[in-house]
C-alpha atoms as a PDB file:
ATOM      1  CA  MET A   1      84.960 109.802  84.541  1.00  0.00           C
ATOM      2  CA  LYS A   2      83.969 106.724  82.550  1.00  0.00           C
ATOM      3  CA  ILE A   3      84.265 106.840  78.766  1.00  0.00           C
ATOM      4  CA  SER A   4      82.081 104.547  76.643  1.00  0.00           C
ATOM      5  CA  ASN A   5      83.837 102.075  74.353  1.00  0.00           C
ATOM      6  CA  ARG A   6      80.914 102.501  71.963  1.00  0.00           C
ATOM      7  CA  LEU A   7      82.039 106.033  71.142  1.00  0.00           C
ATOM      8  CA  PHE A   8      85.840 105.905  71.283  1.00  0.00           C
ATOM      9  CA  ASN A   9      88.633 103.498  70.477  1.00  0.00           C
ATOM     10  CA  ASP A  10      91.305 102.439  73.001  1.00  0.00           C
ATOM     11  CA  GLN A  11      93.826 105.025  71.783  1.00  0.00           C
ATOM     12  CA  GLN A  12      91.355 107.888  72.270  1.00  0.00           C
ATOM     13  CA  ILE A  13      90.392 106.647  75.737  1.00  0.00           C
ATOM     14  CA  ASN A  14      94.072 106.377  76.777  1.00  0.00           C
ATOM     15  CA  GLN A  15      94.775 109.897  75.524  1.00  0.00           C
ATOM     16  CA  PHE A  16      91.763 111.203  77.414  1.00  0.00           C
ATOM     17  CA  SER A  17      92.986 109.534  80.625  1.00  0.00           C
ATOM     18  CA  LYS A  18      96.478 111.046  80.209  1.00  0.00           C
ATOM     19  CA  ASN A  19      94.998 114.506  79.714  1.00  0.00           C
ATOM     20  CA  MET A  20      92.936 114.112  82.877  1.00  0.00           C
ATOM     21  CA  GLU A  21      96.045 113.048  84.826  1.00  0.00           C
ATOM     22  CA  ASN A  22      97.935 116.135  83.583  1.00  0.00           C
ATOM     23  CA  ILE A  23      95.098 118.393  84.721  1.00  0.00           C
ATOM     24  CA  GLN A  24      94.997 116.773  88.159  1.00  0.00           C
ATOM     25  CA  LYS A  25      98.781 117.149  88.601  1.00  0.00           C
ATOM     26  CA  ILE A  26      98.741 120.831  87.657  1.00  0.00           C
ATOM     27  CA  GLN A  27      95.671 121.538  89.800  1.00  0.00           C
ATOM     28  CA  SER A  28      97.420 119.829  92.712  1.00  0.00           C
ATOM     29  CA  ARG A  29     100.450 122.077  92.226  1.00  0.00           C
ATOM     30  CA  ILE A  30      98.265 125.175  92.176  1.00  0.00           C
ATOM     31  CA  SER A  31      96.348 124.145  95.299  1.00  0.00           C
ATOM     32  CA  SER A  32      99.644 123.582  97.173  1.00  0.00           C
ATOM     33  CA  GLY A  33     100.199 127.352  97.304  1.00  0.00           C
ATOM     34  CA  LYS A  34     102.225 128.071  94.209  1.00  0.00           C
ATOM     35  CA  ASN A  35     101.432 131.452  92.673  1.00  0.00           C
ATOM     36  CA  ILE A  36     101.283 130.814  88.955  1.00  0.00           C
ATOM     37  CA  ILE A  37     100.668 134.258  87.570  1.00  0.00           C
ATOM     38  CA  PHE A  38     103.660 135.680  85.713  1.00  0.00           C
ATOM     39  CA  ALA A  39     106.598 133.960  84.100  1.00  0.00           C
ATOM     40  CA  SER A  40     108.972 136.264  85.996  1.00  0.00           C
ATOM     41  CA  ASP A  41     107.554 135.102  89.339  1.00  0.00           C
ATOM     42  CA  ASP A  42     107.499 131.412  88.586  1.00  0.00           C
ATOM     43  CA  PRO A  43     108.705 130.397  85.101  1.00  0.00           C
ATOM     44  CA  VAL A  44     108.015 126.720  85.684  1.00  0.00           C
ATOM     45  CA  GLY A  45     104.565 127.419  87.055  1.00  0.00           C
ATOM     46  CA  ALA A  46     103.726 129.743  84.197  1.00  0.00           C
ATOM     47  CA  VAL A  47     104.617 127.071  81.682  1.00  0.00           C
ATOM     48  CA  GLU A  48     102.477 124.583  83.560  1.00  0.00           C
ATOM     49  CA  LEU A  49      99.558 127.023  83.675  1.00  0.00           C
ATOM     50  CA  SER A  50      99.872 127.475  79.925  1.00  0.00           C
ATOM     51  CA  GLY A  51      99.904 123.711  79.595  1.00  0.00           C
ATOM     52  CA  LEU A  52      96.778 123.507  81.759  1.00  0.00           C
ATOM     53  CA  LYS A  53      94.902 125.870  79.449  1.00  0.00           C
ATOM     54  CA  ASP A  54      95.995 123.872  76.432  1.00  0.00           C
ATOM     55  CA  VAL A  55      94.970 120.570  77.991  1.00  0.00           C
ATOM     56  CA  THR A  56      91.610 121.885  79.229  1.00  0.00           C
ATOM     57  CA  GLY A  57      90.958 123.266  75.753  1.00  0.00           C
ATOM     58  CA  ARG A  58      91.590 119.844  74.276  1.00  0.00           C
ATOM     59  CA  ILE A  59      89.357 118.232  76.908  1.00  0.00           C
ATOM     60  CA  ASP A  60      86.532 120.670  76.077  1.00  0.00           C
ATOM     61  CA  GLN A  61      86.795 119.869  72.379  1.00  0.00           C
ATOM     62  CA  PHE A  62      86.999 116.169  73.174  1.00  0.00           C
ATOM     63  CA  LEU A  63      83.776 116.375  75.204  1.00  0.00           C
ATOM     64  CA  LYS A  64      82.018 118.309  72.449  1.00  0.00           C
ATOM     65  CA  ASN A  65      82.969 115.583  69.985  1.00  0.00           C
ATOM     66  CA  ALA A  66      81.772 112.975  72.487  1.00  0.00           C
ATOM     67  CA  ASN A  67      78.396 114.672  72.877  1.00  0.00           C
ATOM     68  CA  LEU A  68      78.008 114.993  69.100  1.00  0.00           C
ATOM     69  CA  ALA A  69      78.903 111.323  68.596  1.00  0.00           C
ATOM     70  CA  ASN A  70      76.478 110.321  71.340  1.00  0.00           C
ATOM     71  CA  ASP A  71      73.644 112.344  69.764  1.00  0.00           C
ATOM     72  CA  ARG A  72      74.253 110.665  66.403  1.00  0.00           C
ATOM     73  CA  LEU A  73      74.400 107.244  68.061  1.00  0.00           C
ATOM     74  CA  GLN A  74      71.095 107.852  69.853  1.00  0.00           C
ATOM     75  CA  LEU A  75      69.473 108.993  66.586  1.00  0.00           C
ATOM     76  CA  MET A  76      70.653 105.806  64.854  1.00  0.00           C
ATOM     77  CA  ASP A  77      69.523 103.679  67.804  1.00  0.00           C
ATOM     78  CA  SER A  78      66.061 105.238  67.853  1.00  0.00           C
ATOM     79  CA  THR A  79      65.680 104.746  64.109  1.00  0.00           C
ATOM     80  CA  LEU A  80      66.765 101.104  64.133  1.00  0.00           C
ATOM     81  CA  GLU A  81      64.913 100.225  67.336  1.00  0.00           C
ATOM     82  CA  GLY A  82      61.777 101.488  65.667  1.00  0.00           C
ATOM     83  CA  ALA A  83      62.074  98.857  62.936  1.00  0.00           C
ATOM     84  CA  LYS A  84      59.933  96.323  64.763  1.00  0.00           C
ATOM     85  CA  ASP A  85      58.380  94.398  61.897  1.00  0.00           C
ATOM     86  CA  ILE A  86      59.763  94.599  58.368  1.00  0.00           C
ATOM     87  CA  PHE A  87      58.440  92.247  55.707  1.00  0.00           C
ATOM     88  CA  ILE A  88      59.542  92.088  52.076  1.00  0.00           C
ATOM     89  CA  ARG A  89      57.688  89.580  49.871  1.00  0.00           C
ATOM     90  CA  CYS A  90      57.725  88.773  46.166  1.00  0.00           C
ATOM     91  CA  ASN A  91      54.380  90.393  45.451  1.00  0.00           C
ATOM     92  CA  GLU A  92      54.290  92.754  48.365  1.00  0.00           C
ATOM     93  CA  LEU A  93      56.752  94.858  50.322  1.00  0.00           C
ATOM     94  CA  ALA A  94      55.522  95.929  53.725  1.00  0.00           C
ATOM     95  CA  ILE A  95      57.467  97.755  56.384  1.00  0.00           C
ATOM     96  CA  GLN A  96      55.860  98.351  59.749  1.00  0.00           C
ATOM     97  CA  ALA A  97      57.476  99.744  62.853  1.00  0.00           C
ATOM     98  CA  SER A  98      56.427 100.562  66.386  1.00  0.00           C
ATOM     99  CA  ASN A  99      57.393 104.248  66.268  1.00  0.00           C
ATOM    100  CA  ASP A 100      54.860 105.309  63.622  1.00  0.00           C
ATOM    101  CA  VAL A 101      56.856 103.957  60.650  1.00  0.00           C
ATOM    102  CA  SER A 102      54.612 102.025  58.286  1.00  0.00           C
ATOM    103  CA  PHE A 103      54.576 101.721  54.501  1.00  0.00           C
ATOM    104  CA  ASN A 104      54.139  98.999  51.902  1.00  0.00           C
ATOM    105  CA  ILE A 105      54.739  98.096  48.269  1.00  0.00           C
ATOM    106  CA  LYS A 106      51.831  95.991  47.058  1.00  0.00           C
ATOM    107  CA  ASN A 107      52.999  95.049  43.565  1.00  0.00           C
ATOM    108  CA  PRO A 108      56.324  94.322  41.828  1.00  0.00           C
ATOM    109  CA  GLY A 109      57.585  97.463  40.138  1.00  0.00           C
ATOM    110  CA  ASP A 110      55.924  99.864  42.572  1.00  0.00           C
ATOM    111  CA  ILE A 111      58.030 102.781  43.804  1.00  0.00           C
ATOM    112  CA  VAL A 112      57.932 104.250  47.312  1.00  0.00           C
ATOM    113  CA  SER A 113      59.505 107.622  48.055  1.00  0.00           C
ATOM    114  CA  ILE A 114      60.736 108.553  51.528  1.00  0.00           C
ATOM    115  CA  LEU A 115      60.798 112.327  51.895  1.00  0.00           C
ATOM    116  CA  GLY A 116      62.337 114.301  54.735  1.00  0.00           C
ATOM    117  CA  PRO A 117      65.165 116.640  55.793  1.00  0.00           C
ATOM    118  CA  SER A 118      68.731 115.523  56.445  1.00  0.00           C
ATOM    119  CA  GLY A 119      69.436 113.655  59.672  1.00  0.00           C
ATOM    120  CA  VAL A 120      66.024 112.099  60.352  1.00  0.00           C
ATOM    121  CA  GLY A 121      67.081 108.531  59.499  1.00  0.00           C
ATOM    122  CA  LYS A 122      66.071 108.073  55.850  1.00  0.00           C
ATOM    123  CA  THR A 123      69.417 106.602  54.830  1.00  0.00           C
ATOM    124  CA  THR A 124      69.543 104.460  57.982  1.00  0.00           C
ATOM    125  CA  ILE A 125      66.307 102.747  56.906  1.00  0.00           C
ATOM    126  CA  LEU A 126      67.853 101.895  53.530  1.00  0.00           C
ATOM    127  CA  ARG A 127      71.075 100.651  55.131  1.00  0.00           C
ATOM    128  CA  ALA A 128      69.114  98.423  57.529  1.00  0.00           C
ATOM    129  CA  ILE A 129      67.145  96.860  54.665  1.00  0.00           C
ATOM    130  CA  ALA A 130      70.332  96.388  52.615  1.00  0.00           C
ATOM    131  CA  GLY A 131      72.102  94.727  55.543  1.00  0.00           C
ATOM    132  CA  LEU A 132      74.661  97.471  56.163  1.00  0.00           C
ATOM    133  CA  GLU A 133      73.185  98.178  59.603  1.00  0.00           C
ATOM    134  CA  LYS A 134      72.079  95.530  62.076  1.00  0.00           C
ATOM    135  CA  ILE A 135      68.683  95.988  63.701  1.00  0.00           C
ATOM    136  CA  TYR A 136      68.249  95.874  67.473  1.00  0.00           C
ATOM    137  CA  LYS A 137      64.782  94.363  67.429  1.00  0.00           C
ATOM    138  CA  GLY A 138      62.243  93.178  64.904  1.00  0.00           C
ATOM    139  CA  GLU A 139      62.751  91.237  61.686  1.00  0.00           C
ATOM    140  CA  ILE A 140      63.353  91.858  57.969  1.00  0.00           C
ATOM    141  CA  TRP A 141      61.955  89.409  55.414  1.00  0.00           C
ATOM    142  CA  LEU A 142      62.658  89.239  51.689  1.00  0.00           C
ATOM    143  CA  ASN A 143      60.657  86.936  49.416  1.00  0.00           C
ATOM    144  CA  ASN A 144      59.372  85.021  52.457  1.00  0.00           C
ATOM    145  CA  ASP A 145      62.929  84.474  53.733  1.00  0.00           C
ATOM    146  CA  LEU A 146      64.201  85.984  56.962  1.00  0.00           C
ATOM    147  CA  ILE A 147      67.277  88.109  56.259  1.00  0.00           C
ATOM    148  CA  SER A 148      67.666  90.158  59.479  1.00  0.00           C
ATOM    149  CA  SER A 149      66.732  89.845  63.136  1.00  0.00           C
ATOM    150  CA  ILE A 150      68.502  90.144  66.478  1.00  0.00           C
ATOM    151  CA  ASP A 151      69.816  86.570  66.207  1.00  0.00           C
ATOM    152  CA  PHE A 152      69.963  86.104  62.427  1.00  0.00           C
ATOM    153  CA  PHE A 153      71.685  88.016  59.668  1.00  0.00           C
ATOM    154  CA  ILE A 154      72.256  87.398  55.970  1.00  0.00           C
ATOM    155  CA  GLU A 155      75.199  89.263  54.472  1.00  0.00           C
ATOM    156  CA  PRO A 156      74.354  92.163  52.111  1.00  0.00           C
ATOM    157  CA  GLU A 157      75.845  90.467  49.041  1.00  0.00           C
ATOM    158  CA  ASN A 158      73.465  87.534  49.474  1.00  0.00           C
ATOM    159  CA  ARG A 159      70.233  89.526  49.801  1.00  0.00           C
ATOM    160  CA  GLY A 160      69.486  90.334  46.168  1.00  0.00           C
ATOM    161  CA  ILE A 161      69.199  94.008  47.091  1.00  0.00           C
ATOM    162  CA  ALA A 162      71.044  96.845  45.348  1.00  0.00           C
ATOM    163  CA  LEU A 163      71.750 100.135  47.125  1.00  0.00           C
ATOM    164  CA  SER A 164      72.918 103.126  45.109  1.00  0.00           C
ATOM    165  CA  PHE A 165      74.702 105.560  47.410  1.00  0.00           C
ATOM    166  CA  GLN A 166      74.544 109.320  47.283  1.00  0.00           C
ATOM    167  CA  ASP A 167      78.352 109.546  47.332  1.00  0.00           C
ATOM    168  CA  ASN A 168      80.826 108.101  44.849  1.00  0.00           C
ATOM    169  CA  SER A 169      80.925 104.343  45.488  1.00  0.00           C
ATOM    170  CA  LEU A 170      82.782 103.283  42.334  1.00  0.00           C
ATOM    171  CA  PHE A 171      85.887 101.113  42.636  1.00  0.00           C
ATOM    172  CA  PRO A 172      88.775 103.591  42.207  1.00  0.00           C
ATOM    173  CA  HIS A 173      91.132 101.117  40.493  1.00  0.00           C
ATOM    174  CA  LEU A 174      88.608 100.318  37.729  1.00  0.00           C
ATOM    175  CA  ASN A 175      87.400 102.541  34.913  1.00  0.00           C
ATOM    176  CA  VAL A 176      83.693 103.266  34.453  1.00  0.00           C
ATOM    177  CA  ARG A 177      83.045 100.393  32.024  1.00  0.00           C
ATOM    178  CA  GLN A 178      84.768  97.902  34.334  1.00  0.00           C
ATOM    179  CA  ASN A 179      82.667  99.173  37.232  1.00  0.00           C
ATOM    180  CA  LEU A 180      79.496  98.637  35.211  1.00  0.00           C
ATOM    181  CA  ILE A 181      80.537  95.111  34.229  1.00  0.00           C
ATOM    182  CA  ILE A 182      80.750  94.218  37.926  1.00  0.00           C
ATOM    183  CA  GLY A 183      77.037  94.965  38.122  1.00  0.00           C
ATOM    184  CA  GLU A 184      76.383  92.569  35.238  1.00  0.00           C
ATOM    185  CA  LYS A 185      78.444  89.837  36.899  1.00  0.00           C
ATOM    186  CA  ARG A 186      76.287  90.093  40.030  1.00  0.00           C
ATOM    187  CA  LYS A 187      73.089  89.806  37.999  1.00  0.00           C
ATOM    188  CA  SER A 188      70.338  87.826  39.699  1.00  0.00           C
ATOM    189  CA  LYS A 189      68.269  85.075  38.060  1.00  0.00           C
ATOM    190  CA  ILE A 190      65.248  87.342  37.630  1.00  0.00           C
ATOM    191  CA  LYS A 191      64.426  87.652  33.927  1.00  0.00           C
ATOM    192  CA  ARG A 192      64.529  91.285  32.842  1.00  0.00           C
ATOM    193  CA  LYS A 193      65.539  93.136  29.701  1.00  0.00           C
ATOM    194  CA  ILE A 194      68.154  95.452  31.173  1.00  0.00           C
ATOM    195  CA  LYS A 195      71.122  95.718  28.818  1.00  0.00           C
ATOM    196  CA  LEU A 196      74.486  97.345  29.429  1.00  0.00           C
ATOM    197  CA  ASP A 197      74.581  99.302  26.167  1.00  0.00           C
ATOM    198  CA  GLU A 198      71.026 100.535  26.649  1.00  0.00           C
ATOM    199  CA  CYS A 199      71.772 101.841  30.153  1.00  0.00           C
ATOM    200  CA  ILE A 200      74.956 103.535  28.956  1.00  0.00           C
ATOM    201  CA  GLU A 201      72.908 105.428  26.378  1.00  0.00           C
ATOM    202  CA  LEU A 202      69.962 106.232  28.668  1.00  0.00           C
ATOM    203  CA  PHE A 203      72.231 107.726  31.331  1.00  0.00           C
ATOM    204  CA  GLN A 204      74.680 109.341  28.877  1.00  0.00           C
ATOM    205  CA  LEU A 205      77.843 107.528  29.948  1.00  0.00           C
ATOM    206  CA  GLU A 206      79.349 106.962  26.487  1.00  0.00           C
ATOM    207  CA  SER A 207      82.151 109.495  26.914  1.00  0.00           C
ATOM    208  CA  LEU A 208      83.064 108.261  30.412  1.00  0.00           C
ATOM    209  CA  LEU A 209      83.628 104.544  29.861  1.00  0.00           C
ATOM    210  CA  LYS A 210      87.442 104.653  29.745  1.00  0.00           C
ATOM    211  CA  LYS A 211      87.794 107.178  32.545  1.00  0.00           C
ATOM    212  CA  PHE A 212      88.551 106.344  36.162  1.00  0.00           C
ATOM    213  CA  PRO A 213      86.426 107.599  39.096  1.00  0.00           C
ATOM    214  CA  HIS A 214      88.883 110.356  40.014  1.00  0.00           C
ATOM    215  CA  GLU A 215      88.659 111.713  36.462  1.00  0.00           C
ATOM    216  CA  ILE A 216      84.887 112.283  36.444  1.00  0.00           C
ATOM    217  CA  SER A 217      82.546 114.614  38.320  1.00  0.00           C
ATOM    218  CA  ALA A 218      80.394 113.686  41.321  1.00  0.00           C
ATOM    219  CA  GLY A 219      77.275 113.724  39.154  1.00  0.00           C
ATOM    220  CA  GLU A 220      78.857 111.454  36.532  1.00  0.00           C
ATOM    221  CA  ALA A 221      80.002 109.021  39.233  1.00  0.00           C
ATOM    222  CA  GLN A 222      76.506 109.010  40.685  1.00  0.00           C
ATOM    223  CA  ARG A 223      74.999 108.106  37.297  1.00  0.00           C
ATOM    224  CA  ALA A 224      77.524 105.292  36.808  1.00  0.00           C
ATOM    225  CA  SER A 225      76.808 103.925  40.282  1.00  0.00           C
ATOM    226  CA  LEU A 226      73.074 103.968  39.559  1.00  0.00           C
ATOM    227  CA  VAL A 227      73.551 102.037  36.307  1.00  0.00           C
ATOM    228  CA  ARG A 228      75.753  99.467  38.057  1.00  0.00           C
ATOM    229  CA  SER A 229      72.957  98.877  40.579  1.00  0.00           C
ATOM    230  CA  LEU A 230      70.381  98.483  37.810  1.00  0.00           C
ATOM    231  CA  LEU A 231      72.553  95.985  35.932  1.00  0.00           C
ATOM    232  CA  SER A 232      72.702  93.713  38.997  1.00  0.00           C
ATOM    233  CA  ASN A 233      68.999  93.028  38.370  1.00  0.00           C
ATOM    234  CA  PRO A 234      67.980  93.283  42.044  1.00  0.00           C
ATOM    235  CA  SER A 235      64.821  92.036  43.735  1.00  0.00           C
ATOM    236  CA  LEU A 236      64.684  95.404  45.448  1.00  0.00           C
ATOM    237  CA  LEU A 237      66.444  98.634  44.455  1.00  0.00           C
ATOM    238  CA  LEU A 238      67.311 101.226  47.102  1.00  0.00           C
ATOM    239  CA  LEU A 239      68.210 104.731  45.912  1.00  0.00           C
ATOM    240  CA  ASP A 240      69.726 107.313  48.244  1.00  0.00           C
ATOM    241  CA  GLU A 241      69.372 110.797  46.706  1.00  0.00           C
ATOM    242  CA  PRO A 242      70.157 109.375  43.230  1.00  0.00           C
ATOM    243  CA  PHE A 243      70.343 112.724  41.412  1.00  0.00           C
ATOM    244  CA  SER A 244      71.619 115.060  44.141  1.00  0.00           C
ATOM    245  CA  ASN A 245      74.876 115.759  42.257  1.00  0.00           C
ATOM    246  CA  VAL A 246      73.460 115.795  38.721  1.00  0.00           C
ATOM    247  CA  ASP A 247      73.179 119.078  36.809  1.00  0.00           C
ATOM    248  CA  ILE A 248      69.661 120.507  36.763  1.00  0.00           C
ATOM    249  CA  GLY A 249      69.540 120.605  32.969  1.00  0.00           C
ATOM    250  CA  LEU A 250      70.206 116.867  32.735  1.00  0.00           C
ATOM    251  CA  LYS A 251      68.338 115.723  35.835  1.00  0.00           C
ATOM    252  CA  GLU A 252      64.808 115.893  34.392  1.00  0.00           C
ATOM    253  CA  LYS A 253      65.675 113.707  31.387  1.00  0.00           C
ATOM    254  CA  LEU A 254      67.495 111.133  33.521  1.00  0.00           C
ATOM    255  CA  GLN A 255      64.611 110.976  35.989  1.00  0.00           C
ATOM    256  CA  LYS A 256      62.219 110.200  33.143  1.00  0.00           C
ATOM    257  CA  ASN A 257      64.522 107.493  31.738  1.00  0.00           C
ATOM    258  CA  LEU A 258      64.979 105.891  35.148  1.00  0.00           C
ATOM    259  CA  LYS A 259      61.267 105.817  35.958  1.00  0.00           C
ATOM    260  CA  ASN A 260      60.442 104.241  32.582  1.00  0.00           C
ATOM    261  CA  LEU A 261      63.151 101.605  33.061  1.00  0.00           C
ATOM    262  CA  LEU A 262      61.922 100.722  36.558  1.00  0.00           C
ATOM    263  CA  LYS A 263      58.313 100.401  35.385  1.00  0.00           C
ATOM    264  CA  GLU A 264      59.113  98.417  32.241  1.00  0.00           C
ATOM    265  CA  ASN A 265      61.160  95.890  34.213  1.00  0.00           C
ATOM    266  CA  LYS A 266      58.955  95.905  37.319  1.00  0.00           C
ATOM    267  CA  ILE A 267      61.783  96.681  39.727  1.00  0.00           C
ATOM    268  CA  SER A 268      60.403  97.433  43.188  1.00  0.00           C
ATOM    269  CA  THR A 269      62.192 100.546  44.443  1.00  0.00           C
ATOM    270  CA  ILE A 270      62.527 102.680  47.545  1.00  0.00           C
ATOM    271  CA  ILE A 271      63.917 106.140  46.851  1.00  0.00           C
ATOM    272  CA  VAL A 272      65.099 108.516  49.572  1.00  0.00           C
ATOM    273  CA  THR A 273      65.139 112.243  48.862  1.00  0.00           C
ATOM    274  CA  HIS A 274      64.644 115.674  50.408  1.00  0.00           C
ATOM    275  CA  ASN A 275      63.368 117.049  47.082  1.00  0.00           C
ATOM    276  CA  TYR A 276      59.551 117.263  47.007  1.00  0.00           C
ATOM    277  CA  GLU A 277      59.298 117.270  43.211  1.00  0.00           C
ATOM    278  CA  GLU A 278      61.517 114.203  42.906  1.00  0.00           C
ATOM    279  CA  ALA A 279      59.620 112.347  45.641  1.00  0.00           C
ATOM    280  CA  PHE A 280      56.193 112.907  44.092  1.00  0.00           C
ATOM    281  CA  TYR A 281      57.416 112.279  40.543  1.00  0.00           C
ATOM    282  CA  PHE A 282      58.845 108.848  41.317  1.00  0.00           C
ATOM    283  CA  GLY A 283      56.681 107.591  44.139  1.00  0.00           C
ATOM    284  CA  GLY A 284      53.378 105.836  43.631  1.00  0.00           C
ATOM    285  CA  LYS A 285      53.328 106.273  47.376  1.00  0.00           C
ATOM    286  CA  CYS A 286      55.236 108.953  49.298  1.00  0.00           C
ATOM    287  CA  CYS A 287      56.222 108.595  52.957  1.00  0.00           C
ATOM    288  CA  LEU A 288      56.897 111.896  54.725  1.00  0.00           C
ATOM    289  CA  PHE A 289      59.031 112.395  57.818  1.00  0.00           C
ATOM    290  CA  SER A 290      57.415 114.867  60.220  1.00  0.00           C
ATOM    291  CA  LYS A 291      58.848 115.531  63.708  1.00  0.00           C
ATOM    292  CA  ASN A 292      61.171 112.528  63.262  1.00  0.00           C
ATOM    293  CA  LYS A 293      58.235 110.216  62.595  1.00  0.00           C
ATOM    294  CA  LEU A 294      57.394 108.629  59.241  1.00  0.00           C
END
């Protein structure tokens, strides 16, 4: 049996091979005529039979994990291979792909929502644009500059793109204010009126500034991460479920504040969500995943 290096590291492959050798040795002993039924008849054989069951159980679980990993890999491959032609320009954002993926942002400050259930590849699209996933064919352009292709790749930190993750992405050794200041230090040359103090007030972070990431809730960390992305003054803002961990009572107000800030500063944005209300509230255009096609 051949195990793919794409799915497993060398240690896992070696362990798998050892398990297979153990099974073959025990099966060989059984086939030689040994009756391995009761410990009283053959104590050594009984122990080996018990070991066989344990090893085969581990092999079964190993194969299940392999199949799951392979399914996820194929889903990622199909999503990225579909990104045939991706263009991002100063006055227009257009993304076109061969597997029925096509959407565009015509003007600076426009917002596109990508709506669909978990697992269809919404986040993978954002990661490919941000430079966290390499594409297997096609090209990505930003402001008339090529930033991704099969043979060319610009590192994420040099793209002028900000991606706000769904999970806590704050630096654990820095408090909230220090995390926000990092966003200011990465600020691009685009002239906008986004101020640190204003964002702190709009997203209600005043009481959190001296706290560290492990001392705040998931929703609070998500808000801080969003503000840090805004303060970097990106050419393109990518939001992955930006309010998934925020309390319902606060979410509506924060959504309104965010949309106003994006429009006032003309920040082109792609927002990924599985919430219909959120998608249609933010998006001037909404892209819907149906049967794994956009």
